[in-house]
């Protein structure tokens, strides 16, 4: 149904986005906005700056952590659900909430450009 991936497939996946942590700042920004600065983790070099509404800034700054957490959840759910998948869910596989959730999470990773 959603296909089995190796145990560490997503955990060890190479991504092309700038790794976190990302940060927000309120220095010299338009009223009602927050500055988002993305830094290269190893060098500390700023690679991007954007101004966003405060409501969006925290979510954007958390993106690397959310990405990593979602990859971990996918791997864990895939591993813990493997027996049911391999046994065709006892004939009940077409309506499996785990499979739908894993597929939705994988689609989100793919949309973020993390799928290969």
Protein backbone atom coordinates (compact mmCIF):
# COMPACT_ATOMS: atom_id res chain seq x y z
CA UNK A 1 0.00 0.00 0.00
CA UNK A 2 2.53 2.66 1.03
CA UNK A 3 5.55 0.49 0.48
CA UNK A 4 8.13 -0.41 3.04
CA UNK A 5 11.26 1.71 3.33
CA UNK A 6 14.43 0.60 5.04
CA UNK A 7 14.64 1.21 8.77
CA UNK A 8 16.80 4.31 8.46
CA UNK A 9 15.75 5.56 5.05
CA UNK A 10 14.40 8.94 6.09
CA UNK A 11 16.73 9.41 9.04
CA UNK A 12 19.79 9.25 6.80
CA UNK A 13 18.23 10.94 3.76
CA UNK A 14 20.30 13.73 2.21
CA UNK A 15 18.42 17.00 2.03
CA UNK A 16 19.22 20.12 0.07
CA UNK A 17 17.76 22.72 2.43
CA UNK A 18 19.99 24.73 4.75
CA UNK A 19 20.10 22.74 7.98
CA UNK A 20 18.78 24.32 11.15
CA UNK A 21 18.69 25.84 13.52
CA UNK A 22 16.97 28.84 11.99
CA UNK A 23 16.16 31.93 14.05
CA UNK A 24 13.85 34.92 14.18
CA UNK A 25 14.70 38.47 15.18
CA UNK A 26 12.79 41.68 15.80
CA UNK A 27 15.73 43.93 14.89
CA UNK A 28 14.98 46.71 12.37
CA UNK A 29 11.93 45.18 10.75
CA UNK A 30 8.67 46.66 9.53
CA UNK A 31 5.97 46.97 12.18
CA UNK A 32 4.03 43.75 12.69
CA UNK A 33 6.74 41.67 11.04
CA UNK A 34 9.65 39.53 12.23
CA UNK A 35 12.97 39.02 10.49
CA UNK A 36 13.82 35.40 9.72
CA UNK A 37 17.52 34.75 9.31
CA UNK A 38 18.72 31.40 8.04
CA UNK A 39 22.31 30.57 8.93
CA UNK A 40 24.58 27.81 7.72
CA UNK A 41 24.98 25.70 10.84
CA UNK A 42 28.66 24.85 10.40
CA UNK A 43 29.98 28.26 9.34
CA UNK A 44 27.43 30.60 10.93
CA UNK A 45 27.13 32.42 7.59
CA UNK A 46 23.74 34.03 6.97
CA UNK A 47 22.33 32.52 3.79
CA UNK A 48 18.90 34.16 3.70
CA UNK A 49 16.84 36.85 5.38
CA UNK A 50 13.13 37.41 5.02
CA UNK A 51 10.52 39.56 6.69
CA UNK A 52 7.32 37.80 7.69
CA UNK A 53 4.32 38.41 9.86
CA UNK A 54 5.05 37.18 13.38
CA UNK A 55 2.46 34.42 12.98
CA UNK A 56 4.45 32.91 10.11
CA UNK A 57 7.95 33.54 11.44
CA UNK A 58 7.90 31.01 14.27
CA UNK A 59 6.58 28.28 11.95
CA UNK A 60 9.21 29.05 9.31
CA UNK A 61 12.01 29.10 11.89
CA UNK A 62 10.82 25.72 13.24
CA UNK A 63 10.79 24.11 9.77
CA UNK A 64 14.08 22.16 10.12
CA UNK A 65 12.99 20.71 13.46
CA UNK A 66 9.55 19.85 12.10
CA UNK A 67 11.14 18.20 9.06
CA UNK A 68 13.44 16.07 11.22
CA UNK A 69 10.63 15.11 13.60
CA UNK A 70 8.32 14.10 10.74
CA UNK A 71 11.04 11.94 9.19
CA UNK A 72 11.54 10.22 12.55
CA UNK A 73 7.79 9.65 12.95
CA UNK A 74 7.56 8.15 9.46
CA UNK A 75 10.45 5.78 10.16
CA UNK A 76 9.04 4.74 13.54
CA UNK A 77 5.50 4.23 12.22
CA UNK A 78 6.80 2.31 9.21
CA UNK A 79 8.84 0.00 11.42
CA UNK A 80 6.13 -0.56 14.04
CA UNK A 81 3.49 -1.19 11.37
CA UNK A 82 5.55 -3.56 9.18
CA UNK A 83 3.93 -6.80 10.42
CA UNK A 84 0.43 -5.58 9.58
CA UNK A 85 1.52 -4.44 6.13
CA UNK A 86 3.33 -7.70 5.43
CA UNK A 87 0.20 -9.64 6.46
CA UNK A 88 -2.04 -7.43 4.27
CA UNK A 89 -3.74 -6.04 7.39
CA UNK A 90 -5.65 -9.31 7.68
CA UNK A 91 -7.49 -8.29 4.52
CA UNK A 92 -8.39 -4.86 5.90
CA UNK A 93 -5.55 -2.83 4.35
CA UNK A 94 -7.55 -0.43 2.22
CA UNK A 95 -8.84 1.48 5.23
CA UNK A 96 -5.74 1.63 7.42
CA UNK A 97 -5.31 4.91 9.27
CA UNK A 98 -1.59 4.23 9.81
CA UNK A 99 -1.04 3.76 6.08
CA UNK A 100 -3.01 6.93 5.26
CA UNK A 101 -1.04 8.90 7.86
CA UNK A 102 2.31 7.63 6.62
CA UNK A 103 1.35 8.41 3.01
CA UNK A 104 0.27 11.93 4.01
CA UNK A 105 3.51 12.51 5.91
CA UNK A 106 5.59 11.26 2.98
CA UNK A 107 3.67 13.58 0.65
CA UNK A 108 4.50 16.52 2.95
CA UNK A 109 8.21 15.57 2.90
CA UNK A 110 8.08 15.32 -0.90
CA UNK A 111 6.39 18.74 -1.11
CA UNK A 112 9.20 20.18 1.00
CA UNK A 113 11.67 18.81 -1.51
CA UNK A 114 13.06 16.18 0.82
CA UNK A 115 11.98 13.09 -1.11
CA UNK A 116 14.28 11.48 -3.59
